N, C-alpha and C. Protein backbone atom coordinates (compact mmCIF):
# COMPACT_ATOMS: atom_id res chain seq x y z
N MET A 1 14.62 -8.24 -9.22
CA MET A 1 14.00 -9.39 -8.61
C MET A 1 14.91 -10.59 -8.76
N SER A 2 14.86 -11.44 -7.82
CA SER A 2 15.61 -12.69 -7.85
C SER A 2 14.61 -13.82 -8.05
N ILE A 3 14.80 -14.60 -9.10
CA ILE A 3 13.85 -15.66 -9.42
C ILE A 3 14.15 -16.89 -8.59
N LEU A 4 13.15 -17.35 -7.83
CA LEU A 4 13.31 -18.55 -7.03
C LEU A 4 12.78 -19.78 -7.73
N THR A 5 11.69 -19.64 -8.49
CA THR A 5 11.09 -20.78 -9.17
C THR A 5 10.61 -20.34 -10.55
N ILE A 6 10.90 -21.12 -11.58
CA ILE A 6 10.38 -20.85 -12.92
C ILE A 6 9.66 -22.10 -13.39
N SER A 7 8.44 -21.91 -13.88
CA SER A 7 7.67 -23.03 -14.41
C SER A 7 7.21 -22.67 -15.82
N CYS A 8 7.67 -23.40 -16.82
CA CYS A 8 7.24 -23.17 -18.20
C CYS A 8 6.29 -24.29 -18.59
N ARG A 9 5.07 -23.92 -18.90
CA ARG A 9 4.07 -24.93 -19.26
C ARG A 9 4.24 -25.33 -20.72
N SER A 10 4.45 -26.58 -20.95
CA SER A 10 4.61 -27.06 -22.32
C SER A 10 3.27 -27.37 -22.98
N THR A 11 2.19 -27.41 -22.19
CA THR A 11 0.88 -27.70 -22.77
C THR A 11 0.35 -26.52 -23.58
N TYR A 12 0.83 -25.31 -23.28
CA TYR A 12 0.40 -24.14 -24.03
C TYR A 12 1.63 -23.30 -24.35
N PRO A 13 2.17 -23.44 -25.57
CA PRO A 13 3.36 -22.69 -25.93
C PRO A 13 3.12 -21.18 -25.81
N GLY A 14 4.10 -20.49 -25.32
CA GLY A 14 3.98 -19.04 -25.18
C GLY A 14 3.53 -18.61 -23.80
N GLU A 15 3.39 -19.54 -22.87
CA GLU A 15 3.00 -19.18 -21.51
C GLU A 15 4.15 -19.50 -20.55
N ILE A 16 4.52 -18.49 -19.76
CA ILE A 16 5.60 -18.63 -18.79
C ILE A 16 5.05 -18.19 -17.44
N THR A 17 5.38 -18.94 -16.40
CA THR A 17 4.96 -18.60 -15.04
C THR A 17 6.20 -18.48 -14.17
N LEU A 18 6.34 -17.34 -13.51
CA LEU A 18 7.43 -17.11 -12.56
C LEU A 18 6.82 -17.05 -11.18
N LYS A 19 7.36 -17.82 -10.25
CA LYS A 19 6.78 -17.89 -8.91
C LYS A 19 7.80 -17.51 -7.84
N GLU A 20 7.29 -16.94 -6.76
CA GLU A 20 8.07 -16.60 -5.57
C GLU A 20 9.29 -15.75 -5.91
N LEU A 21 9.06 -14.59 -6.50
CA LEU A 21 10.13 -13.67 -6.86
C LEU A 21 10.44 -12.75 -5.68
N GLN A 22 11.71 -12.57 -5.38
CA GLN A 22 12.10 -11.65 -4.31
C GLN A 22 12.32 -10.27 -4.90
N ILE A 23 11.81 -9.25 -4.22
CA ILE A 23 12.00 -7.86 -4.64
C ILE A 23 13.29 -7.36 -3.99
N LYS A 24 14.15 -6.72 -4.78
CA LYS A 24 15.42 -6.23 -4.26
C LYS A 24 15.22 -5.15 -3.21
N GLU A 25 16.15 -5.07 -2.27
CA GLU A 25 16.05 -4.11 -1.18
C GLU A 25 16.17 -2.66 -1.65
N ASN A 26 16.79 -2.42 -2.79
CA ASN A 26 16.96 -1.05 -3.28
C ASN A 26 15.85 -0.59 -4.22
N VAL A 27 14.73 -1.29 -4.25
CA VAL A 27 13.66 -0.98 -5.18
C VAL A 27 13.09 0.44 -4.99
N LEU A 28 13.14 0.97 -3.79
CA LEU A 28 12.58 2.30 -3.51
C LEU A 28 13.63 3.39 -3.42
N ASP A 29 14.88 3.09 -3.68
CA ASP A 29 15.97 4.05 -3.49
C ASP A 29 15.77 5.37 -4.23
N GLY A 30 15.33 5.34 -5.44
CA GLY A 30 15.17 6.55 -6.24
C GLY A 30 14.01 7.44 -5.82
N LEU A 31 13.15 6.96 -4.94
CA LEU A 31 11.97 7.73 -4.53
C LEU A 31 12.22 8.64 -3.34
N GLU A 32 13.36 8.50 -2.68
CA GLU A 32 13.74 9.32 -1.53
C GLU A 32 12.65 9.34 -0.45
N LEU A 33 12.18 8.17 -0.08
CA LEU A 33 11.16 8.03 0.95
C LEU A 33 11.81 7.70 2.29
N PRO A 34 11.18 8.05 3.40
CA PRO A 34 11.75 7.74 4.72
C PRO A 34 11.45 6.31 5.16
N ILE A 35 11.40 5.39 4.21
CA ILE A 35 11.16 3.97 4.50
C ILE A 35 12.15 3.14 3.70
N ARG A 36 12.37 1.91 4.18
CA ARG A 36 13.22 0.97 3.45
C ARG A 36 12.54 -0.40 3.45
N PRO A 37 12.64 -1.12 2.36
CA PRO A 37 12.06 -2.46 2.31
C PRO A 37 12.79 -3.43 3.23
N VAL A 38 12.02 -4.22 3.96
CA VAL A 38 12.57 -5.27 4.80
C VAL A 38 12.40 -6.61 4.10
N LEU A 39 11.25 -6.79 3.47
CA LEU A 39 10.94 -8.03 2.77
C LEU A 39 10.03 -7.69 1.59
N GLY A 40 10.31 -8.27 0.44
CA GLY A 40 9.46 -8.07 -0.72
C GLY A 40 9.36 -9.35 -1.53
N VAL A 41 8.13 -9.75 -1.83
CA VAL A 41 7.89 -10.99 -2.58
C VAL A 41 6.74 -10.77 -3.56
N VAL A 42 6.89 -11.29 -4.77
CA VAL A 42 5.79 -11.37 -5.73
C VAL A 42 5.46 -12.85 -5.85
N GLU A 43 4.22 -13.20 -5.53
CA GLU A 43 3.82 -14.61 -5.52
C GLU A 43 3.90 -15.24 -6.91
N CYS A 44 3.37 -14.56 -7.93
CA CYS A 44 3.31 -15.17 -9.26
C CYS A 44 3.21 -14.11 -10.35
N ILE A 45 4.00 -14.28 -11.41
CA ILE A 45 3.86 -13.48 -12.63
C ILE A 45 3.65 -14.46 -13.77
N SER A 46 2.55 -14.30 -14.49
CA SER A 46 2.25 -15.15 -15.64
C SER A 46 2.32 -14.31 -16.90
N ILE A 47 3.05 -14.79 -17.89
CA ILE A 47 3.20 -14.07 -19.16
C ILE A 47 2.70 -14.98 -20.27
N THR A 48 1.78 -14.44 -21.08
CA THR A 48 1.25 -15.18 -22.22
C THR A 48 1.60 -14.42 -23.49
N ILE A 49 2.32 -15.08 -24.40
CA ILE A 49 2.74 -14.47 -25.66
C ILE A 49 2.07 -15.23 -26.80
N PRO A 50 1.17 -14.57 -27.54
CA PRO A 50 0.47 -15.25 -28.64
C PRO A 50 1.34 -15.30 -29.90
N TRP A 51 2.29 -16.21 -29.94
CA TRP A 51 3.26 -16.26 -31.03
C TRP A 51 2.62 -16.36 -32.41
N MET A 52 1.52 -17.07 -32.53
CA MET A 52 0.87 -17.24 -33.84
C MET A 52 0.19 -15.96 -34.31
N ASN A 53 -0.20 -15.09 -33.38
CA ASN A 53 -0.89 -13.84 -33.72
C ASN A 53 -0.23 -12.66 -33.01
N ILE A 54 1.08 -12.63 -33.00
CA ILE A 54 1.83 -11.64 -32.22
C ILE A 54 1.54 -10.19 -32.65
N ARG A 55 1.15 -9.98 -33.89
CA ARG A 55 0.88 -8.61 -34.37
C ARG A 55 -0.55 -8.16 -34.10
N THR A 56 -1.45 -9.10 -33.86
CA THR A 56 -2.86 -8.72 -33.69
C THR A 56 -3.40 -8.95 -32.28
N GLU A 57 -2.73 -9.76 -31.49
CA GLU A 57 -3.20 -10.03 -30.13
C GLU A 57 -2.18 -9.51 -29.11
N PRO A 58 -2.66 -9.04 -27.97
CA PRO A 58 -1.75 -8.48 -26.97
C PRO A 58 -1.00 -9.55 -26.19
N VAL A 59 0.19 -9.17 -25.73
CA VAL A 59 0.91 -9.99 -24.76
C VAL A 59 0.27 -9.70 -23.41
N GLN A 60 -0.04 -10.73 -22.65
CA GLN A 60 -0.69 -10.55 -21.34
C GLN A 60 0.31 -10.83 -20.23
N ILE A 61 0.36 -9.92 -19.26
CA ILE A 61 1.19 -10.10 -18.07
C ILE A 61 0.30 -9.96 -16.86
N ARG A 62 0.22 -11.02 -16.06
CA ARG A 62 -0.61 -11.01 -14.84
C ARG A 62 0.30 -11.12 -13.63
N ILE A 63 0.10 -10.21 -12.67
CA ILE A 63 0.90 -10.20 -11.44
C ILE A 63 -0.04 -10.45 -10.28
N ASN A 64 0.27 -11.46 -9.47
CA ASN A 64 -0.56 -11.83 -8.32
C ASN A 64 0.28 -11.86 -7.05
N GLY A 65 -0.30 -11.40 -5.96
CA GLY A 65 0.28 -11.55 -4.64
C GLY A 65 1.55 -10.77 -4.40
N VAL A 66 1.47 -9.44 -4.36
CA VAL A 66 2.64 -8.62 -4.07
C VAL A 66 2.65 -8.28 -2.58
N LEU A 67 3.77 -8.57 -1.92
CA LEU A 67 3.96 -8.24 -0.50
C LEU A 67 5.22 -7.41 -0.38
N LEU A 68 5.09 -6.22 0.21
CA LEU A 68 6.25 -5.37 0.46
C LEU A 68 6.18 -4.89 1.90
N LEU A 69 7.04 -5.43 2.74
CA LEU A 69 7.11 -5.05 4.15
C LEU A 69 8.20 -4.00 4.28
N VAL A 70 7.86 -2.83 4.84
CA VAL A 70 8.82 -1.74 4.94
C VAL A 70 9.00 -1.32 6.40
N ALA A 71 10.12 -0.67 6.67
CA ALA A 71 10.41 -0.11 7.98
C ALA A 71 10.83 1.34 7.79
N SER A 72 10.62 2.15 8.79
CA SER A 72 11.02 3.55 8.68
C SER A 72 12.54 3.66 8.81
N THR A 73 13.08 4.68 8.17
CA THR A 73 14.51 4.95 8.28
C THR A 73 14.71 6.11 9.24
N ASP A 74 15.90 6.21 9.78
CA ASP A 74 16.20 7.30 10.71
C ASP A 74 16.44 8.62 10.00
N GLU A 75 16.88 8.53 8.75
CA GLU A 75 17.20 9.75 8.02
C GLU A 75 16.06 10.13 7.08
N VAL A 76 15.76 11.42 7.02
CA VAL A 76 14.75 11.94 6.10
C VAL A 76 15.49 12.67 5.01
N LYS A 77 15.18 12.33 3.76
CA LYS A 77 15.89 12.95 2.63
C LYS A 77 15.12 14.14 2.13
């Protein structure tokens, strides 16, 4: 992914928000599918790390708004 925007909230330490991430064109290469990505975007990834209780509380990762536009390929693998 290529990061277009990063927003780190200082009001709550341990929270990171990544916005408008581009998905690489080769993301499906290993699956040998007869399709190829034309456009791929992840709207927002939010990561919360509970530094004060890192051993007892989970790290939370929230992914919102995934768009993957694909086109068929001429070759079938």
